[in-house]
Amino acid sequence: MLTIRREEPDDAEAIARVHVHGWQTGYAGIMPDEVLRRLNPAAWAQRRRDLGTADPEHPFATLLAEADGVVAGFTTFGPYRNNQDRGDLDDRYGEILAVYVEPAYWGTGTGQELFAAARAGLAERGWAEYRLWVLADNARARRFYERAGLSPDGEESTYPVPLSGGRDPVRLRELRYTARLDG
């Protein structure tokens, strides 16, 4: 049985594990292996705590999917970030910043339930339109979003992936997808 609930401060480690496992599996072949190997769930958990994402006053909300008490996935949503900058928010649009599911739960409907919960959360906050960014080479995610009714709107961005040893970052192309919540 799947339960959707709001993030609490003690959830940082579980969310970080899902996030890291999601990157390592979902971005294999898209991001350099060295980047995926060095991902550190403890560091990602600390970053969540530092950002205060579990604070009810935070502009972004994170919902967790639990299956038999285990965090199987999460989604984060809130106001649209201009230039993907958390300090430059555009309240005219909502944004889904993340939908990550532990790979063992892929294909179980967990992602669909999280996505539906994020859409409901955006609608409750009054947004009629929402956006999200997805790596252009992430065919699995793009299919998921397109089946959910989103489509690319022509906006593109570059996601810089830092490399070790002072090398220039790898720049991955991102596409912005959009849809209406009221249609």
Protein backbone atom coordinates (compact mmCIF):
# COMPACT_ATOMS: atom_id res chain seq x y z
CA MET A 1 0.00 0.00 0.00
CA LEU A 2 1.31 3.44 -0.97
CA THR A 3 0.95 6.47 1.29
CA ILE A 4 1.69 10.06 0.20
CA ARG A 5 2.68 12.49 2.93
CA ARG A 6 4.55 15.75 3.45
CA GLU A 7 8.29 15.72 4.13
CA GLU A 8 9.38 15.94 7.76
CA PRO A 9 12.87 16.93 9.02
CA ASP A 10 13.82 13.31 9.80
CA ASP A 11 13.19 12.30 6.17
CA ALA A 12 16.32 13.95 4.73
CA GLU A 13 18.43 10.77 4.60
CA ALA A 14 15.68 8.65 3.01
CA ILE A 15 14.93 11.32 0.40
CA ALA A 16 18.63 11.72 -0.37
CA ARG A 17 19.01 7.96 -0.89
CA VAL A 18 16.11 7.91 -3.35
CA HIS A 19 17.49 11.00 -5.10
CA VAL A 20 20.99 9.54 -5.47
CA HIS A 21 19.73 6.10 -6.57
CA GLY A 22 17.38 7.80 -9.04
CA TRP A 23 20.26 9.77 -10.53
CA GLN A 24 22.61 6.78 -10.64
CA THR A 25 20.06 4.61 -12.45
CA GLY A 26 18.05 7.15 -14.42
CA TYR A 27 21.01 9.20 -15.65
CA ALA A 28 23.31 6.26 -16.46
CA GLY A 29 24.57 6.84 -19.98
CA ILE A 30 23.49 10.49 -19.82
CA MET A 31 25.81 11.84 -17.11
CA PRO A 32 29.45 10.85 -16.81
CA ASP A 33 29.95 7.69 -14.74
CA GLU A 34 32.49 9.47 -12.52
CA VAL A 35 29.80 11.97 -11.49
CA LEU A 36 27.25 9.27 -10.70
CA ARG A 37 29.79 7.19 -8.73
CA ARG A 38 30.77 10.07 -6.45
CA LEU A 39 27.23 11.03 -5.42
CA ASN A 40 27.01 11.04 -1.64
CA PRO A 41 23.60 10.53 0.03
CA ALA A 42 24.87 11.95 3.35
CA ALA A 43 25.96 15.19 1.65
CA TRP A 44 22.65 15.43 -0.23
CA ALA A 45 20.75 14.90 3.02
CA GLN A 46 22.71 17.69 4.69
CA ARG A 47 21.97 20.00 1.76
CA ARG A 48 18.23 19.30 2.24
CA ARG A 49 18.51 20.15 5.92
CA ASP A 50 20.47 23.33 5.12
CA LEU A 51 17.83 24.42 2.60
CA GLY A 52 15.07 23.80 5.14
CA THR A 53 12.86 21.97 2.67
CA ALA A 54 10.82 20.35 5.46
CA ASP A 55 9.85 23.76 6.88
CA PRO A 56 6.13 24.38 6.23
CA GLU A 57 6.99 28.02 5.38
CA HIS A 58 9.44 26.97 2.65
CA PRO A 59 8.18 28.08 -0.79
CA PHE A 60 8.60 24.53 -2.13
CA ALA A 61 6.82 21.48 -0.78
CA THR A 62 8.13 17.93 -0.89
CA LEU A 63 5.81 14.95 -0.73
CA LEU A 64 6.98 11.40 -0.08
CA ALA A 65 5.55 8.12 -1.26
CA GLU A 66 5.90 5.39 1.34
CA ALA A 67 5.37 1.72 0.61
CA ASP A 68 5.11 -0.32 3.81
CA GLY A 69 7.01 2.34 5.75
CA VAL A 70 9.84 2.64 3.18
CA VAL A 71 10.34 5.87 1.21
CA ALA A 72 9.78 4.78 -2.38
CA GLY A 73 9.90 8.22 -3.99
CA PHE A 74 9.38 11.94 -3.63
CA THR A 75 8.28 15.01 -5.54
CA THR A 76 9.04 18.68 -4.95
CA PHE A 77 6.92 21.54 -6.29
CA GLY A 78 6.29 25.24 -5.80
CA PRO A 79 6.54 28.55 -7.66
CA TYR A 80 8.39 28.67 -10.96
CA ARG A 81 12.11 29.44 -10.71
CA ASN A 82 13.23 31.97 -13.30
CA ASN A 83 16.48 30.67 -14.80
CA GLN A 84 16.12 27.75 -12.35
CA ASP A 85 17.15 30.11 -9.55
CA ARG A 86 15.46 29.44 -6.18
CA GLY A 87 16.02 33.10 -5.33
CA ASP A 88 14.11 34.40 -8.37
CA LEU A 89 10.56 33.05 -8.17
CA ASP A 90 7.71 33.79 -10.57
CA ASP A 91 4.38 33.30 -8.82
CA ARG A 92 2.46 33.32 -12.12
CA TYR A 93 3.38 29.66 -12.70
CA GLY A 94 3.88 26.54 -10.67
CA GLU A 95 6.81 24.22 -11.15
CA ILE A 96 7.52 20.59 -10.41
CA LEU A 97 11.19 20.55 -9.51
CA ALA A 98 11.60 16.83 -8.95
CA VAL A 99 9.90 13.47 -9.26
CA TYR A 100 12.23 10.66 -8.21
CA VAL A 101 11.32 7.07 -7.48
CA GLU A 102 13.58 4.41 -6.01
CA PRO A 103 14.44 2.23 -9.04
CA ALA A 104 13.03 -0.89 -7.33
CA TYR A 105 9.61 0.86 -7.49
CA TRP A 106 9.78 1.91 -11.15
CA GLY A 107 6.76 0.67 -13.07
CA THR A 108 4.59 0.31 -9.95
CA GLY A 109 2.58 3.52 -10.37
CA THR A 110 4.53 5.29 -7.59
CA GLY A 111 5.72 8.01 -9.97
CA GLN A 112 2.20 8.55 -11.30
CA GLU A 113 0.80 8.91 -7.78
CA LEU A 114 3.52 11.36 -6.79
CA PHE A 115 2.98 13.35 -9.97
CA ALA A 116 -0.78 13.49 -9.36
CA ALA A 117 -0.14 14.66 -5.77
CA ALA A 118 2.22 17.39 -7.00
CA ARG A 119 -0.35 18.57 -9.56
CA ALA A 120 -3.01 18.65 -6.84
CA GLY A 121 -0.66 20.64 -4.60
CA LEU A 122 -0.01 23.15 -7.37
CA ALA A 123 -3.74 23.50 -8.05
CA GLU A 124 -4.43 24.02 -4.32
CA ARG A 125 -1.95 26.90 -4.39
CA GLY A 126 -3.91 28.50 -7.23
CA TRP A 127 -1.74 27.89 -10.29
CA ALA A 128 -3.43 27.22 -13.60
CA GLU A 129 -0.21 26.48 -15.49
CA TYR A 130 2.91 24.62 -14.45
CA ARG A 131 6.32 23.89 -15.86
CA LEU A 132 9.21 21.54 -15.33
CA TRP A 133 12.69 20.95 -16.72
CA VAL A 134 13.92 17.59 -18.00
CA LEU A 135 17.22 16.50 -19.52
CA ALA A 136 16.77 16.25 -23.28
CA ASP A 137 18.46 12.83 -23.33
CA ASN A 138 16.28 11.41 -20.55
CA ALA A 139 13.87 9.57 -22.85
CA ARG A 140 12.21 7.66 -19.99
CA ALA A 141 11.29 10.85 -18.09
CA ARG A 142 10.21 12.63 -21.25
CA ARG A 143 7.81 9.76 -22.09
CA PHE A 144 6.44 9.87 -18.53
CA TYR A 145 5.76 13.62 -18.72
CA GLU A 146 4.30 13.44 -22.22
CA ARG A 147 1.91 10.66 -21.14
CA ALA A 148 0.90 12.95 -18.25
CA GLY A 149 -0.10 15.67 -20.74
CA LEU A 150 2.96 17.93 -20.74
CA SER A 151 4.76 19.03 -23.87
CA PRO A 152 7.94 20.97 -24.63
CA ASP A 153 7.31 24.69 -25.03
CA GLY A 154 10.49 25.49 -26.97
CA GLU A 155 12.54 26.83 -24.04
CA GLU A 156 15.91 25.19 -23.49
CA SER A 157 18.62 25.47 -20.89
CA THR A 158 21.99 23.94 -20.13
CA TYR A 159 22.62 21.98 -16.94
CA PRO A 160 26.31 22.16 -15.97
CA VAL A 161 27.62 18.94 -14.42
CA PRO A 162 30.85 19.63 -12.49
CA LEU A 163 33.78 17.33 -13.08
CA SER A 164 36.69 16.68 -10.73
CA GLY A 165 40.24 17.89 -11.27
CA GLY A 166 39.34 21.40 -12.35
CA ARG A 167 38.02 20.23 -15.71
CA ASP A 168 35.29 22.15 -17.46
CA PRO A 169 31.80 20.92 -16.59
CA VAL A 170 29.81 18.73 -18.94
CA ARG A 171 26.87 20.74 -20.21
CA LEU A 172 23.64 18.78 -20.65
CA ARG A 173 20.72 20.15 -22.64
CA GLU A 174 17.42 20.55 -20.80
CA LEU A 175 13.96 21.10 -22.20
CA ARG A 176 11.14 22.93 -20.48
CA TYR A 177 7.78 21.19 -20.49
CA THR A 178 4.49 22.89 -19.67
CA ALA A 179 0.83 22.06 -19.14
CA ARG A 180 -2.33 23.54 -17.70
CA LEU A 181 -3.88 22.38 -14.46
CA ASP A 182 -7.34 23.67 -15.32
CA GLY A 183 -7.77 22.06 -18.71
